[in-house]
C-alpha atoms as a PDB file:
ATOM      1  CA  MET A   1     -45.767  92.417 -21.255  1.00  0.00           C
ATOM      2  CA  THR A   2     -48.690  90.945 -20.504  1.00  0.00           C
ATOM      3  CA  ARG A   3     -51.611  93.964 -20.950  1.00  0.00           C
ATOM      4  CA  SER A   4     -55.411  93.831 -20.371  1.00  0.00           C
ATOM      5  CA  PRO A   5     -58.020  96.726 -20.729  1.00  0.00           C
ATOM      6  CA  ASP A   6     -59.696  97.975 -17.348  1.00  0.00           C
ATOM      7  CA  ASP A   7     -63.387  98.514 -19.281  1.00  0.00           C
ATOM      8  CA  THR A   8     -64.904  95.923 -17.826  1.00  0.00           C
ATOM      9  CA  ILE A   9     -63.693  97.301 -14.194  1.00  0.00           C
ATOM     10  CA  THR A  10     -63.716 100.723 -12.584  1.00  0.00           C
ATOM     11  CA  ILE A  11     -60.437 100.762 -10.829  1.00  0.00           C
ATOM     12  CA  THR A  12     -60.493 101.969  -6.951  1.00  0.00           C
ATOM     13  CA  PRO A  13     -57.581 102.186  -4.541  1.00  0.00           C
ATOM     14  CA  GLU A  14     -58.639  99.213  -3.276  1.00  0.00           C
ATOM     15  CA  ILE A  15     -58.698  97.469  -6.119  1.00  0.00           C
ATOM     16  CA  LEU A  16     -54.959  98.688  -7.276  1.00  0.00           C
ATOM     17  CA  LEU A  17     -53.769  97.673  -4.148  1.00  0.00           C
ATOM     18  CA  LYS A  18     -55.295  93.898  -4.973  1.00  0.00           C
ATOM     19  CA  ALA A  19     -53.585  94.130  -8.384  1.00  0.00           C
ATOM     20  CA  TYR A  20     -50.521  95.745  -7.182  1.00  0.00           C
ATOM     21  CA  ALA A  21     -50.140  92.255  -4.648  1.00  0.00           C
ATOM     22  CA  ALA A  22     -50.568  89.812  -7.323  1.00  0.00           C
ATOM     23  CA  GLY A  23     -47.956  91.384  -9.382  1.00  0.00           C
ATOM     24  CA  ILE A  24     -49.905  94.000 -11.720  1.00  0.00           C
ATOM     25  CA  PHE A  25     -49.777  97.327 -12.517  1.00  0.00           C
ATOM     26  CA  PRO A  26     -51.800 100.205 -14.313  1.00  0.00           C
ATOM     27  CA  MET A  27     -50.050 102.262 -16.961  1.00  0.00           C
ATOM     28  CA  ALA A  28     -51.722 104.841 -19.399  1.00  0.00           C
ATOM     29  CA  GLU A  29     -50.320 104.964 -23.230  1.00  0.00           C
ATOM     30  CA  ASP A  30     -50.319 108.866 -22.351  1.00  0.00           C
ATOM     31  CA  ALA A  31     -51.141 112.012 -20.149  1.00  0.00           C
ATOM     32  CA  ASP A  32     -54.323 112.894 -22.472  1.00  0.00           C
ATOM     33  CA  ASP A  33     -55.687 109.059 -22.735  1.00  0.00           C
ATOM     34  CA  PRO A  34     -58.203 108.404 -20.004  1.00  0.00           C
ATOM     35  CA  SER A  35     -58.201 104.986 -19.975  1.00  0.00           C
ATOM     36  CA  LEU A  36     -55.529 102.410 -18.361  1.00  0.00           C
ATOM     37  CA  PHE A  37     -54.189  99.270 -18.748  1.00  0.00           C
ATOM     38  CA  TRP A  38     -53.291  96.359 -16.935  1.00  0.00           C
ATOM     39  CA  VAL A  39     -49.273  95.493 -17.099  1.00  0.00           C
ATOM     40  CA  GLU A  40     -47.674  92.089 -15.929  1.00  0.00           C
ATOM     41  CA  PRO A  41     -44.402  91.897 -17.488  1.00  0.00           C
ATOM     42  CA  ARG A  42     -42.380  88.901 -18.315  1.00  0.00           C
ATOM     43  CA  GLU A  43     -39.436  90.234 -16.756  1.00  0.00           C
ATOM     44  CA  ARG A  44     -39.881  91.991 -14.172  1.00  0.00           C
ATOM     45  CA  GLY A  45     -37.284  94.710 -13.383  1.00  0.00           C
ATOM     46  CA  ILE A  46     -35.978  95.440  -9.448  1.00  0.00           C
ATOM     47  CA  ILE A  47     -33.417  96.445  -7.566  1.00  0.00           C
ATOM     48  CA  PRO A  48     -32.062  93.647  -4.502  1.00  0.00           C
ATOM     49  CA  LEU A  49     -31.669  95.795  -1.749  1.00  0.00           C
ATOM     50  CA  GLU A  50     -28.493  93.807  -0.469  1.00  0.00           C
ATOM     51  CA  THR A  51     -26.732  94.906  -3.452  1.00  0.00           C
ATOM     52  CA  PHE A  52     -27.730  97.873  -4.101  1.00  0.00           C
ATOM     53  CA  HIS A  53     -24.782 100.027  -5.010  1.00  0.00           C
ATOM     54  CA  VAL A  54     -23.644 103.745  -4.439  1.00  0.00           C
ATOM     55  CA  PRO A  55     -21.310 105.133  -7.103  1.00  0.00           C
ATOM     56  CA  LYS A  56     -18.369 106.777  -5.442  1.00  0.00           C
ATOM     57  CA  ARG A  57     -19.401 110.492  -6.752  1.00  0.00           C
ATOM     58  CA  LEU A  58     -22.682 109.610  -5.611  1.00  0.00           C
ATOM     59  CA  ALA A  59     -22.212 108.565  -2.098  1.00  0.00           C
ATOM     60  CA  ARG A  60     -20.137 111.997  -1.610  1.00  0.00           C
ATOM     61  CA  THR A  61     -22.742 114.346  -3.052  1.00  0.00           C
ATOM     62  CA  VAL A  62     -24.982 112.347  -0.829  1.00  0.00           C
ATOM     63  CA  ARG A  63     -22.818 112.575   2.525  1.00  0.00           C
ATOM     64  CA  SER A  64     -22.231 116.528   1.957  1.00  0.00           C
ATOM     65  CA  ASP A  65     -25.881 116.601   2.982  1.00  0.00           C
ATOM     66  CA  GLU A  66     -26.291 119.845   0.110  1.00  0.00           C
ATOM     67  CA  PHE A  67     -29.590 118.458  -0.416  1.00  0.00           C
ATOM     68  CA  GLU A  68     -32.605 118.316   2.101  1.00  0.00           C
ATOM     69  CA  VAL A  69     -34.319 115.164   1.737  1.00  0.00           C
ATOM     70  CA  ARG A  70     -37.894 114.572   3.092  1.00  0.00           C
ATOM     71  CA  VAL A  71     -40.557 112.236   2.633  1.00  0.00           C
ATOM     72  CA  ASP A  72     -44.216 112.422   2.205  1.00  0.00           C
ATOM     73  CA  GLN A  73     -44.561 116.408   2.187  1.00  0.00           C
ATOM     74  CA  ASP A  74     -45.513 117.173  -0.960  1.00  0.00           C
ATOM     75  CA  PHE A  75     -47.403 114.391  -3.146  1.00  0.00           C
ATOM     76  CA  ASP A  76     -48.929 116.812  -5.804  1.00  0.00           C
ATOM     77  CA  ALA A  77     -45.806 118.544  -6.789  1.00  0.00           C
ATOM     78  CA  VAL A  78     -43.517 115.010  -6.804  1.00  0.00           C
ATOM     79  CA  ILE A  79     -46.404 113.762  -9.318  1.00  0.00           C
ATOM     80  CA  THR A  80     -46.124 117.029 -11.457  1.00  0.00           C
ATOM     81  CA  GLY A  81     -42.741 116.295 -11.412  1.00  0.00           C
ATOM     82  CA  CYS A  82     -42.664 113.242 -12.539  1.00  0.00           C
ATOM     83  CA  ALA A  83     -45.520 114.006 -15.358  1.00  0.00           C
ATOM     84  CA  ALA A  84     -43.229 116.805 -16.764  1.00  0.00           C
ATOM     85  CA  PRO A  85     -41.439 116.637 -19.957  1.00  0.00           C
ATOM     86  CA  ALA A  86     -37.408 115.796 -19.729  1.00  0.00           C
ATOM     87  CA  THR A  87     -34.447 115.147 -22.044  1.00  0.00           C
ATOM     88  CA  ASP A  88     -35.282 111.563 -21.928  1.00  0.00           C
ATOM     89  CA  ARG A  89     -38.653 111.684 -22.321  1.00  0.00           C
ATOM     90  CA  GLU A  90     -40.906 113.592 -24.536  1.00  0.00           C
ATOM     91  CA  LYS A  91     -44.496 112.532 -23.586  1.00  0.00           C
ATOM     92  CA  THR A  92     -46.101 110.784 -19.685  1.00  0.00           C
ATOM     93  CA  TRP A  93     -48.030 107.876 -18.893  1.00  0.00           C
ATOM     94  CA  ILE A  94     -49.475 110.169 -15.930  1.00  0.00           C
ATOM     95  CA  ASN A  95     -52.496 111.340 -16.533  1.00  0.00           C
ATOM     96  CA  ARG A  96     -55.482 112.581 -14.850  1.00  0.00           C
ATOM     97  CA  ARG A  97     -56.682 108.822 -13.355  1.00  0.00           C
ATOM     98  CA  ILE A  98     -53.028 108.056 -12.378  1.00  0.00           C
ATOM     99  CA  ARG A  99     -52.789 111.136 -10.458  1.00  0.00           C
ATOM    100  CA  ASP A 100     -56.160 110.886  -8.613  1.00  0.00           C
ATOM    101  CA  LEU A 101     -56.480 107.110  -8.281  1.00  0.00           C
ATOM    102  CA  TYR A 102     -52.174 107.175  -6.490  1.00  0.00           C
ATOM    103  CA  GLY A 103     -53.455 110.509  -5.085  1.00  0.00           C
ATOM    104  CA  GLN A 104     -55.842 108.980  -3.002  1.00  0.00           C
ATOM    105  CA  LEU A 105     -53.356 106.380  -1.701  1.00  0.00           C
ATOM    106  CA  PHE A 106     -51.440 109.188  -0.453  1.00  0.00           C
ATOM    107  CA  ASP A 107     -54.219 110.268   1.549  1.00  0.00           C
ATOM    108  CA  SER A 108     -54.773 106.870   2.748  1.00  0.00           C
ATOM    109  CA  GLY A 109     -50.667 105.994   3.663  1.00  0.00           C
ATOM    110  CA  PHE A 110     -50.352 103.486   0.810  1.00  0.00           C
ATOM    111  CA  CYS A 111     -48.211 106.175  -1.477  1.00  0.00           C
ATOM    112  CA  HIS A 112     -45.145 108.109  -0.316  1.00  0.00           C
ATOM    113  CA  THR A 113     -42.908 110.296  -2.232  1.00  0.00           C
ATOM    114  CA  VAL A 114     -39.200 110.923  -1.766  1.00  0.00           C
ATOM    115  CA  GLU A 115     -38.428 114.474  -2.372  1.00  0.00           C
ATOM    116  CA  VAL A 116     -35.177 116.689  -2.011  1.00  0.00           C
ATOM    117  CA  TYR A 117     -35.009 120.254  -1.768  1.00  0.00           C
ATOM    118  CA  ARG A 118     -32.195 123.028  -2.516  1.00  0.00           C
ATOM    119  CA  ASP A 119     -33.191 126.498  -0.930  1.00  0.00           C
ATOM    120  CA  LYS A 120     -36.356 125.211  -0.062  1.00  0.00           C
ATOM    121  CA  LYS A 121     -37.043 124.639  -3.779  1.00  0.00           C
ATOM    122  CA  LEU A 122     -38.141 121.005  -4.765  1.00  0.00           C
ATOM    123  CA  VAL A 123     -35.502 119.428  -7.745  1.00  0.00           C
ATOM    124  CA  GLY A 124     -36.288 116.083  -8.105  1.00  0.00           C
ATOM    125  CA  GLY A 125     -38.165 113.231  -6.220  1.00  0.00           C
ATOM    126  CA  LEU A 126     -39.927 109.980  -6.774  1.00  0.00           C
ATOM    127  CA  TYR A 127     -43.014 108.356  -5.658  1.00  0.00           C
ATOM    128  CA  GLY A 128     -44.371 104.917  -5.517  1.00  0.00           C
ATOM    129  CA  VAL A 129     -47.093 102.337  -3.175  1.00  0.00           C
ATOM    130  CA  ARG A 130     -46.056 100.685  -0.366  1.00  0.00           C
ATOM    131  CA  LEU A 131     -47.530  97.220   0.665  1.00  0.00           C
ATOM    132  CA  LYS A 132     -46.409  94.799   3.536  1.00  0.00           C
ATOM    133  CA  GLY A 133     -42.799  94.269   2.975  1.00  0.00           C
ATOM    134  CA  ALA A 134     -42.497  95.553  -0.705  1.00  0.00           C
ATOM    135  CA  PHE A 135     -42.266  99.157  -2.267  1.00  0.00           C
ATOM    136  CA  PHE A 136     -43.180  99.348  -5.711  1.00  0.00           C
ATOM    137  CA  GLY A 137     -41.393 102.123  -7.262  1.00  0.00           C
ATOM    138  CA  GLU A 138     -43.838 104.205  -9.930  1.00  0.00           C
ATOM    139  CA  SER A 139     -41.790 107.267 -11.338  1.00  0.00           C
ATOM    140  CA  MET A 140     -38.935 109.802 -10.447  1.00  0.00           C
ATOM    141  CA  PHE A 141     -37.711 113.190 -11.425  1.00  0.00           C
ATOM    142  CA  HIS A 142     -34.950 115.953 -11.452  1.00  0.00           C
ATOM    143  CA  THR A 143     -33.948 119.542 -12.307  1.00  0.00           C
ATOM    144  CA  GLU A 144     -30.901 119.164 -10.505  1.00  0.00           C
ATOM    145  CA  ARG A 145     -28.057 117.205 -11.530  1.00  0.00           C
ATOM    146  CA  ASP A 146     -28.360 113.943  -8.918  1.00  0.00           C
ATOM    147  CA  ALA A 147     -31.402 114.554  -7.394  1.00  0.00           C
ATOM    148  CA  SER A 148     -33.226 111.793  -8.413  1.00  0.00           C
ATOM    149  CA  LYS A 149     -30.417 109.565  -7.181  1.00  0.00           C
ATOM    150  CA  VAL A 150     -30.231 111.128  -4.062  1.00  0.00           C
ATOM    151  CA  ALA A 151     -34.047 110.357  -4.005  1.00  0.00           C
ATOM    152  CA  LEU A 152     -33.351 107.090  -4.888  1.00  0.00           C
ATOM    153  CA  VAL A 153     -30.590 106.337  -2.169  1.00  0.00           C
ATOM    154  CA  HIS A 154     -32.537 107.946   0.470  1.00  0.00           C
ATOM    155  CA  LEU A 155     -35.841 105.298  -0.367  1.00  0.00           C
ATOM    156  CA  VAL A 156     -33.339 102.268  -0.485  1.00  0.00           C
ATOM    157  CA  ALA A 157     -31.545 103.032   3.192  1.00  0.00           C
ATOM    158  CA  ARG A 158     -35.246 103.637   4.834  1.00  0.00           C
ATOM    159  CA  LEU A 159     -36.867 100.300   2.774  1.00  0.00           C
ATOM    160  CA  LYS A 160     -33.769  98.800   4.213  1.00  0.00           C
ATOM    161  CA  ARG A 161     -33.920 100.272   7.707  1.00  0.00           C
ATOM    162  CA  GLY A 162     -37.318  99.376   7.772  1.00  0.00           C
ATOM    163  CA  GLY A 163     -37.112  95.589   6.622  1.00  0.00           C
ATOM    164  CA  PHE A 164     -38.445  95.542   3.539  1.00  0.00           C
ATOM    165  CA  THR A 165     -37.789  93.134   1.388  1.00  0.00           C
ATOM    166  CA  LEU A 166     -38.688  93.913  -2.320  1.00  0.00           C
ATOM    167  CA  LEU A 167     -38.244  97.112  -4.199  1.00  0.00           C
ATOM    168  CA  ASP A 168     -40.099  96.416  -7.637  1.00  0.00           C
ATOM    169  CA  THR A 169     -38.815  99.331 -10.399  1.00  0.00           C
ATOM    170  CA  GLN A 170     -41.055  97.619 -12.823  1.00  0.00           C
ATOM    171  CA  PHE A 171     -38.825  97.315 -15.861  1.00  0.00           C
ATOM    172  CA  VAL A 172     -34.943  97.850 -15.949  1.00  0.00           C
ATOM    173  CA  THR A 173     -33.481 101.107 -17.422  1.00  0.00           C
ATOM    174  CA  SER A 174     -29.935 102.272 -17.792  1.00  0.00           C
ATOM    175  CA  HIS A 175     -30.419 104.665 -15.101  1.00  0.00           C
ATOM    176  CA  LEU A 176     -31.307 102.211 -12.730  1.00  0.00           C
ATOM    177  CA  ALA A 177     -29.127  99.676 -14.023  1.00  0.00           C
ATOM    178  CA  GLN A 178     -25.778 102.101 -12.457  1.00  0.00           C
ATOM    179  CA  PHE A 179     -27.610 100.753  -8.804  1.00  0.00           C
ATOM    180  CA  GLY A 180     -27.420  97.125  -9.318  1.00  0.00           C
ATOM    181  CA  ALA A 181     -31.205  96.677 -10.803  1.00  0.00           C
ATOM    182  CA  ILE A 182     -31.506  93.428 -12.334  1.00  0.00           C
ATOM    183  CA  GLU A 183     -34.471  92.016 -14.580  1.00  0.00           C
ATOM    184  CA  VAL A 184     -35.992  88.825 -12.979  1.00  0.00           C
ATOM    185  CA  PRO A 185     -38.484  85.984 -14.792  1.00  0.00           C
ATOM    186  CA  ARG A 186     -42.301  86.706 -13.942  1.00  0.00           C
ATOM    187  CA  ARG A 187     -42.461  83.446 -11.974  1.00  0.00           C
ATOM    188  CA  ASN A 188     -39.251  84.178  -9.260  1.00  0.00           C
ATOM    189  CA  TYR A 189     -41.489  87.456  -9.068  1.00  0.00           C
ATOM    190  CA  LYS A 190     -44.125  85.784  -7.998  1.00  0.00           C
ATOM    191  CA  GLN A 191     -41.888  84.322  -5.599  1.00  0.00           C
ATOM    192  CA  MET A 192     -40.246  87.815  -3.550  1.00  0.00           C
ATOM    193  CA  LEU A 193     -43.547  89.224  -4.380  1.00  0.00           C
ATOM    194  CA  ARG A 194     -45.475  86.669  -1.777  1.00  0.00           C
ATOM    195  CA  ALA A 195     -42.390  86.412   0.424  1.00  0.00           C
ATOM    196  CA  ALA A 196     -42.625  90.321   0.735  1.00  0.00           C
ATOM    197  CA  MET A 197     -46.432  90.080   1.849  1.00  0.00           C
ATOM    198  CA  GLU A 198     -45.505  88.021   4.862  1.00  0.00           C
ATOM    199  CA  HIS A 199     -44.458  90.868   6.735  1.00  0.00           C
ATOM    200  CA  GLU A 200     -44.808  94.316   7.006  1.00  0.00           C
ATOM    201  CA  GLY A 201     -42.503  96.879   6.608  1.00  0.00           C
ATOM    202  CA  ASP A 202     -41.317 100.311   8.811  1.00  0.00           C
ATOM    203  CA  TRP A 203     -42.079 103.201   6.487  1.00  0.00           C
ATOM    204  CA  HIS A 204     -41.503 105.786   9.335  1.00  0.00           C
ATOM    205  CA  VAL A 205     -38.134 104.009  10.758  1.00  0.00           C
ATOM    206  CA  TRP A 206     -37.131 107.378  10.249  1.00  0.00           C
ATOM    207  CA  PRO A 207     -38.163 110.802  10.463  1.00  0.00           C
ATOM    208  CA  LYS A 208     -40.032 112.673   7.469  1.00  0.00           C
ATOM    209  CA  ASP A 209     -38.867 116.223   8.103  1.00  0.00           C
ATOM    210  CA  GLY A 210     -35.400 116.184   6.416  1.00  0.00           C
ATOM    211  CA  THR A 211     -33.605 115.494   9.680  1.00  0.00           C
ATOM    212  CA  VAL A 212     -31.455 111.727   8.796  1.00  0.00           C
ATOM    213  CA  SER A 213     -28.191 113.169   7.602  1.00  0.00           C
ATOM    214  CA  GLY A 214     -26.278 111.807   4.724  1.00  0.00           C
ATOM    215  CA  GLU A 215     -23.532 109.720   7.269  1.00  0.00           C
ATOM    216  CA  ASP A 216     -26.859 108.236   8.411  1.00  0.00           C
ATOM    217  CA  ILE A 217     -27.919 106.662   5.224  1.00  0.00           C
ATOM    218  CA  LEU A 218     -24.899 105.827   3.849  1.00  0.00           C
ATOM    219  CA  ALA A 219     -24.232 103.655   6.875  1.00  0.00           C
ATOM    220  CA  ALA A 220     -28.142 101.817   6.492  1.00  0.00           C
ATOM    221  CA  LEU A 221     -26.653 100.748   3.183  1.00  0.00           C
END
């Protein structure tokens, strides 16, 4: 990947959106490091929306509606969950500057959350940036089995129904690979990104209050 420091400029939400439109995103070394660096992977992780795969057991979980799924209700709780230590990560790259920048993007309508609840308690979710016809996934978490997976299924269904064409995952992990995530060369990714910037996806195609059923989600996929 290509990294470059941000020492020469002050990153604002506006600059951040321009960076996403150019195929670049920021990261920090860890939560205690106040600096950020720009990342542009040579091989970019994406989930092709048309070939998104839902494993059968997970489909049963989604269909059962055992979780309540909402969007854009509690950004602070979601990013806190994403920054918390977990069995698959001892430290996080989400520092205070990341929290502040993406919080501002959330307030302005460019950052979104998918939140998974059980008995009114947040047990999983994800957040990312929406720009034109692209969604850039940033991070996800869960404290109950399948909660982050359910969030991802709901995200992809909303993107497909809303006419989005690109779901950027930055990198491919074993967790994402089971859903069909692949790596594409930087040049191919830039072509996909340019195409996604030519039209506007509709994030609000469905309500955000948890009233979309699992059956509707699976039907959209």
